[in-house]
Amino acid sequence: GGAAPHGGGAFSGKDPTKVDRSAAYASR
């Protein structure tokens, strides 16, 4: 919700080889 930075890459529609998604999950 804007309380932390965002790298800019969306999540939806991407399989987990896309680090936009998987690395965002790992960092959380």
PDB file of all heavy atoms in Angstrom:
ATOM      1  N   GLY A   1       0.784  -1.221   0.000  1.00  0.00           N
ATOM      2  CA  GLY A   1       0.000   0.000   0.000  1.00  0.00           C
ATOM      3  C   GLY A   1       0.817   1.273   0.000  1.00  0.00           C
ATOM      4  O   GLY A   1       0.348   2.319   0.434  1.00  0.00           O
ATOM      5  N   GLY A   2       2.054   1.184  -0.494  1.00  0.00           N
ATOM      6  CA  GLY A   2       2.925   2.354  -0.526  1.00  0.00           C
ATOM      7  C   GLY A   2       3.771   2.542   0.713  1.00  0.00           C
ATOM      8  O   GLY A   2       4.603   3.439   0.765  1.00  0.00           O
ATOM      9  N   ALA A   3       3.589   1.695   1.709  1.00  0.00           N
ATOM     10  CA  ALA A   3       4.362   1.817   2.952  1.00  0.00           C
ATOM     11  C   ALA A   3       5.788   1.314   2.800  1.00  0.00           C
ATOM     12  O   ALA A   3       6.631   1.570   3.656  1.00  0.00           O
ATOM     13  CB  ALA A   3       3.663   1.060   4.081  1.00  0.00           C
ATOM     14  N   ALA A   4       6.058   0.591   1.725  1.00  0.00           N
ATOM     15  CA  ALA A   4       7.400   0.094   1.428  1.00  0.00           C
ATOM     16  C   ALA A   4       7.631   0.243  -0.070  1.00  0.00           C
ATOM     17  O   ALA A   4       6.668   0.328  -0.845  1.00  0.00           O
ATOM     18  CB  ALA A   4       7.539  -1.371   1.855  1.00  0.00           C
ATOM     19  N   PRO A   5       8.884   0.253  -0.507  1.00  0.00           N
ATOM     20  CA  PRO A   5       9.148   0.393  -1.948  1.00  0.00           C
ATOM     21  C   PRO A   5       8.618  -0.787  -2.750  1.00  0.00           C
ATOM     22  O   PRO A   5       8.369  -1.870  -2.215  1.00  0.00           O
ATOM     23  CB  PRO A   5      10.683   0.443  -2.018  1.00  0.00           C
ATOM     24  CG  PRO A   5      11.134   0.806  -0.653  1.00  0.00           C
ATOM     25  CD  PRO A   5      10.118   0.228   0.282  1.00  0.00           C
ATOM     26  N   HIS A   6       8.475  -0.562  -4.054  1.00  0.00           N
ATOM     27  CA  HIS A   6       8.086  -1.611  -4.992  1.00  0.00           C
ATOM     28  C   HIS A   6       9.070  -1.599  -6.148  1.00  0.00           C
ATOM     29  O   HIS A   6       9.421  -0.527  -6.649  1.00  0.00           O
ATOM     30  CB  HIS A   6       6.663  -1.381  -5.500  1.00  0.00           C
ATOM     31  CG  HIS A   6       6.072  -2.567  -6.206  1.00  0.00           C
ATOM     32  ND1 HIS A   6       6.563  -3.033  -7.413  1.00  0.00           N
ATOM     33  CD2 HIS A   6       5.053  -3.388  -5.877  1.00  0.00           C
ATOM     34  CE1 HIS A   6       5.853  -4.094  -7.784  1.00  0.00           C
ATOM     35  NE2 HIS A   6       4.935  -4.323  -6.870  1.00  0.00           N
ATOM     36  N   GLY A   7       9.500  -2.770  -6.568  1.00  0.00           N
ATOM     37  CA  GLY A   7      10.475  -2.850  -7.654  1.00  0.00           C
ATOM     38  C   GLY A   7       9.928  -2.496  -9.014  1.00  0.00           C
ATOM     39  O   GLY A   7      10.692  -2.254  -9.943  1.00  0.00           O
ATOM     40  N   GLY A   8       8.600  -2.502  -9.165  1.00  0.00           N
ATOM     41  CA  GLY A   8       7.987  -2.100 -10.420  1.00  0.00           C
ATOM     42  C   GLY A   8       7.388  -3.227 -11.222  1.00  0.00           C
ATOM     43  O   GLY A   8       6.565  -2.987 -12.105  1.00  0.00           O
ATOM     44  N   GLY A   9       7.786  -4.457 -10.958  1.00  0.00           N
ATOM     45  CA  GLY A   9       7.259  -5.589 -11.720  1.00  0.00           C
ATOM     46  C   GLY A   9       5.992  -6.142 -11.099  1.00  0.00           C
ATOM     47  O   GLY A   9       5.904  -6.324  -9.886  1.00  0.00           O
ATOM     48  N   ALA A  10       4.993  -6.410 -11.948  1.00  0.00           N
ATOM     49  CA  ALA A  10       3.746  -7.021 -11.491  1.00  0.00           C
ATOM     50  C   ALA A  10       3.956  -8.505 -11.220  1.00  0.00           C
ATOM     51  O   ALA A  10       4.948  -9.105 -11.650  1.00  0.00           O
ATOM     52  CB  ALA A  10       2.645  -6.808 -12.520  1.00  0.00           C
ATOM     53  N   PHE A  11       2.998  -9.110 -10.520  1.00  0.00           N
ATOM     54  CA  PHE A  11       3.068 -10.528 -10.170  1.00  0.00           C
ATOM     55  C   PHE A  11       2.176 -11.394 -11.056  1.00  0.00           C
ATOM     56  O   PHE A  11       2.586 -12.436 -11.552  1.00  0.00           O
ATOM     57  CB  PHE A  11       2.650 -10.747  -8.709  1.00  0.00           C
ATOM     58  CG  PHE A  11       3.444  -9.972  -7.698  1.00  0.00           C
ATOM     59  CD1 PHE A  11       2.894  -9.673  -6.455  1.00  0.00           C
ATOM     60  CD2 PHE A  11       4.733  -9.532  -7.959  1.00  0.00           C
ATOM     61  CE1 PHE A  11       3.611  -8.961  -5.510  1.00  0.00           C
ATOM     62  CE2 PHE A  11       5.465  -8.823  -7.022  1.00  0.00           C
ATOM     63  CZ  PHE A  11       4.901  -8.537  -5.790  1.00  0.00           C
ATOM     64  N   SER A  12       0.936 -10.980 -11.218  1.00  0.00           N
ATOM     65  CA  SER A  12      -0.068 -11.845 -11.831  1.00  0.00           C
ATOM     66  C   SER A  12       0.268 -12.171 -13.286  1.00  0.00           C
ATOM     67  O   SER A  12       0.797 -11.334 -14.024  1.00  0.00           O
ATOM     68  CB  SER A  12      -1.455 -11.199 -11.753  1.00  0.00           C
ATOM     69  OG  SER A  12      -1.911 -11.176 -10.418  1.00  0.00           O
ATOM     70  N   GLY A  13      -0.046 -13.401 -13.665  1.00  0.00           N
ATOM     71  CA  GLY A  13       0.195 -13.860 -15.022  1.00  0.00           C
ATOM     72  C   GLY A  13       1.584 -14.402 -15.254  1.00  0.00           C
ATOM     73  O   GLY A  13       1.913 -14.795 -16.373  1.00  0.00           O
ATOM     74  N   LYS A  14       2.415 -14.449 -14.202  1.00  0.00           N
ATOM     75  CA  LYS A  14       3.804 -14.884 -14.358  1.00  0.00           C
ATOM     76  C   LYS A  14       4.065 -16.166 -13.582  1.00  0.00           C
ATOM     77  O   LYS A  14       3.708 -16.272 -12.408  1.00  0.00           O
ATOM     78  CB  LYS A  14       4.756 -13.789 -13.861  1.00  0.00           C
ATOM     79  CG  LYS A  14       4.639 -12.487 -14.638  1.00  0.00           C
ATOM     80  CD  LYS A  14       5.536 -11.404 -14.059  1.00  0.00           C
ATOM     81  CE  LYS A  14       5.392 -10.109 -14.857  1.00  0.00           C
ATOM     82  NZ  LYS A  14       6.213  -9.020 -14.301  1.00  0.00           N
ATOM     83  N   ASP A  15       4.707 -17.132 -14.247  1.00  0.00           N
ATOM     84  CA  ASP A  15       5.112 -18.344 -13.539  1.00  0.00           C
ATOM     85  C   ASP A  15       6.292 -18.016 -12.616  1.00  0.00           C
ATOM     86  O   ASP A  15       6.912 -16.956 -12.738  1.00  0.00           O
ATOM     87  CB  ASP A  15       5.488 -19.436 -14.546  1.00  0.00           C
ATOM     88  CG  ASP A  15       6.834 -19.175 -15.203  1.00  0.00           C
ATOM     89  OD1 ASP A  15       7.875 -19.405 -14.552  1.00  0.00           O
ATOM     90  OD2 ASP A  15       6.854 -18.711 -16.363  1.00  0.00           O
ATOM     91  N   PRO A  16       6.612 -18.893 -11.671  1.00  0.00           N
ATOM     92  CA  PRO A  16       7.604 -18.534 -10.650  1.00  0.00           C
ATOM     93  C   PRO A  16       9.056 -18.488 -11.112  1.00  0.00           C
ATOM     94  O   PRO A  16       9.932 -18.166 -10.295  1.00  0.00           O
ATOM     95  CB  PRO A  16       7.399 -19.599  -9.567  1.00  0.00           C
ATOM     96  CG  PRO A  16       6.770 -20.746 -10.275  1.00  0.00           C
ATOM     97  CD  PRO A  16       5.912 -20.151 -11.346  1.00  0.00           C
ATOM     98  N   THR A  17       9.363 -18.786 -12.390  1.00  0.00           N
ATOM     99  CA  THR A  17      10.732 -18.518 -12.851  1.00  0.00           C
ATOM    100  C   THR A  17      10.948 -17.019 -12.998  1.00  0.00           C
ATOM    101  O   THR A  17      12.095 -16.565 -13.055  1.00  0.00           O
ATOM    102  CB  THR A  17      11.042 -19.196 -14.205  1.00  0.00           C
ATOM    103  OG1 THR A  17      10.232 -18.628 -15.239  1.00  0.00           O
ATOM    104  CG2 THR A  17      10.842 -20.695 -14.130  1.00  0.00           C
ATOM    105  N   LYS A  18       9.850 -16.250 -13.066  1.00  0.00           N
ATOM    106  CA  LYS A  18       9.975 -14.793 -13.141  1.00  0.00           C
ATOM    107  C   LYS A  18      10.220 -14.259 -11.737  1.00  0.00           C
ATOM    108  O   LYS A  18       9.355 -14.333 -10.861  1.00  0.00           O
ATOM    109  CB  LYS A  18       8.704 -14.164 -13.713  1.00  0.00           C
ATOM    110  CG  LYS A  18       8.586 -14.215 -15.232  1.00  0.00           C
ATOM    111  CD  LYS A  18       8.289 -15.581 -15.764  1.00  0.00           C
ATOM    112  CE  LYS A  18       7.960 -15.546 -17.254  1.00  0.00           C
ATOM    113  NZ  LYS A  18       7.806 -16.915 -17.802  1.00  0.00           N
ATOM    114  N   VAL A  19      11.420 -13.690 -11.531  1.00  0.00           N
ATOM    115  CA  VAL A  19      11.766 -13.230 -10.191  1.00  0.00           C
ATOM    116  C   VAL A  19      10.945 -12.030  -9.759  1.00  0.00           C
ATOM    117  O   VAL A  19      10.894 -11.715  -8.562  1.00  0.00           O
ATOM    118  CB  VAL A  19      13.282 -12.930 -10.075  1.00  0.00           C
ATOM    119  CG1 VAL A  19      14.077 -14.227 -10.011  1.00  0.00           C
ATOM    120  CG2 VAL A  19      13.762 -12.041 -11.216  1.00  0.00           C
ATOM    121  N   ASP A  20      10.300 -11.323 -10.709  1.00  0.00           N
ATOM    122  CA  ASP A  20       9.344 -10.294 -10.314  1.00  0.00           C
ATOM    123  C   ASP A  20       8.397 -10.843  -9.260  1.00  0.00           C
ATOM    124  O   ASP A  20       8.033 -10.146  -8.308  1.00  0.00           O
ATOM    125  CB  ASP A  20       8.506  -9.836 -11.518  1.00  0.00           C
ATOM    126  CG  ASP A  20       9.201  -8.773 -12.340  1.00  0.00           C
ATOM    127  OD1 ASP A  20      10.158  -8.170 -11.838  1.00  0.00           O
ATOM    128  OD2 ASP A  20       8.783  -8.556 -13.486  1.00  0.00           O
ATOM    129  N   ARG A  21       8.017 -12.092  -9.458  1.00  0.00           N
ATOM    130  CA  ARG A  21       7.062 -12.734  -8.546  1.00  0.00           C
ATOM    131  C   ARG A  21       7.770 -13.499  -7.434  1.00  0.00           C
ATOM    132  O   ARG A  21       7.586 -13.221  -6.254  1.00  0.00           O
ATOM    133  CB  ARG A  21       6.154 -13.670  -9.350  1.00  0.00           C
ATOM    134  CG  ARG A  21       5.095 -14.352  -8.515  1.00  0.00           C
ATOM    135  CD  ARG A  21       4.013 -15.024  -9.341  1.00  0.00           C
ATOM    136  NE  ARG A  21       2.707 -14.814  -8.735  1.00  0.00           N
ATOM    137  CZ  ARG A  21       1.549 -14.909  -9.370  1.00  0.00           C
ATOM    138  NH1 ARG A  21       1.523 -15.212 -10.649  1.00  0.00           N
ATOM    139  NH2 ARG A  21       0.416 -14.691  -8.728  1.00  0.00           N
ATOM    140  N   SER A  22       8.587 -14.467  -7.814  1.00  0.00           N
ATOM    141  CA  SER A  22       9.152 -15.380  -6.815  1.00  0.00           C
ATOM    142  C   SER A  22      10.095 -14.685  -5.845  1.00  0.00           C
ATOM    143  O   SER A  22      10.089 -14.977  -4.635  1.00  0.00           O
ATOM    144  CB  SER A  22       9.867 -16.545  -7.511  1.00  0.00           C
ATOM    145  OG  SER A  22      10.878 -16.065  -8.378  1.00  0.00           O
ATOM    146  N   ALA A  23      10.913 -13.740  -6.318  1.00  0.00           N
ATOM    147  CA  ALA A  23      11.842 -13.059  -5.412  1.00  0.00           C
ATOM    148  C   ALA A  23      11.121 -12.061  -4.510  1.00  0.00           C
ATOM    149  O   ALA A  23      11.562 -11.803  -3.388  1.00  0.00           O
ATOM    150  CB  ALA A  23      12.943 -12.369  -6.206  1.00  0.00           C
ATOM    151  N   ALA A  24      10.010 -11.502  -4.993  1.00  0.00           N
ATOM    152  CA  ALA A  24       9.193 -10.648  -4.118  1.00  0.00           C
ATOM    153  C   ALA A  24       8.597 -11.473  -2.987  1.00  0.00           C
ATOM    154  O   ALA A  24       8.513 -11.018  -1.837  1.00  0.00           O
ATOM    155  CB  ALA A  24       8.095  -9.960  -4.918  1.00  0.00           C
ATOM    156  N   TYR A  25       8.171 -12.692  -3.313  1.00  0.00           N
ATOM    157  CA  TYR A  25       7.656 -13.589  -2.281  1.00  0.00           C
ATOM    158  C   TYR A  25       8.764 -13.984  -1.301  1.00  0.00           C
ATOM    159  O   TYR A  25       8.555 -14.024  -0.077  1.00  0.00           O
ATOM    160  CB  TYR A  25       7.065 -14.845  -2.916  1.00  0.00           C
ATOM    161  CG  TYR A  25       5.795 -14.633  -3.708  1.00  0.00           C
ATOM    162  CD1 TYR A  25       5.291 -15.661  -4.511  1.00  0.00           C
ATOM    163  CD2 TYR A  25       5.102 -13.433  -3.670  1.00  0.00           C
ATOM    164  CE1 TYR A  25       4.119 -15.484  -5.241  1.00  0.00           C
ATOM    165  CE2 TYR A  25       3.937 -13.255  -4.395  1.00  0.00           C
ATOM    166  CZ  TYR A  25       3.444 -14.283  -5.186  1.00  0.00           C
ATOM    167  OH  TYR A  25       2.287 -14.110  -5.912  1.00  0.00           O
ATOM    168  N   ALA A  26       9.946 -14.273  -1.829  1.00  0.00           N
ATOM    169  CA  ALA A  26      11.053 -14.680  -0.963  1.00  0.00           C
ATOM    170  C   ALA A  26      11.485 -13.546  -0.033  1.00  0.00           C
ATOM    171  O   ALA A  26      11.782 -13.776   1.147  1.00  0.00           O
ATOM    172  CB  ALA A  26      12.240 -15.133  -1.815  1.00  0.00           C
ATOM    173  N   SER A  27      11.500 -12.333  -0.542  1.00  0.00           N
ATOM    174  CA  SER A  27      11.918 -11.208   0.308  1.00  0.00           C
ATOM    175  C   SER A  27      10.892 -10.923   1.402  1.00  0.00           C
ATOM    176  O   SER A  27      11.253 -10.577   2.532  1.00  0.00           O
ATOM    177  CB  SER A  27      12.187  -9.960  -0.544  1.00  0.00           C
ATOM    178  OG  SER A  27      11.087  -9.631  -1.359  1.00  0.00           O
ATOM    179  N   ARG A  28       9.612 -11.098   1.097  1.00  0.00           N
ATOM    180  CA  ARG A  28       8.587 -10.987   2.141  1.00  0.00           C
ATOM    181  C   ARG A  28       8.770 -12.103   3.183  1.00  0.00           C
ATOM    182  O   ARG A  28       8.653 -11.862   4.391  1.00  0.00           O
ATOM    183  CB  ARG A  28       7.193 -11.080   1.516  1.00  0.00           C
ATOM    184  CG  ARG A  28       6.048 -11.415   2.463  1.00  0.00           C
ATOM    185  CD  ARG A  28       5.746 -10.332   3.494  1.00  0.00           C
ATOM    186  NE  ARG A  28       4.575 -10.723   4.301  1.00  0.00           N
ATOM    187  CZ  ARG A  28       4.122 -10.047   5.341  1.00  0.00           C
ATOM    188  NH1 ARG A  28       4.723  -8.940   5.723  1.00  0.00           N
ATOM    189  NH2 ARG A  28       3.071 -10.460   6.013  1.00  0.00           N
TER     190      ARG A  28
END
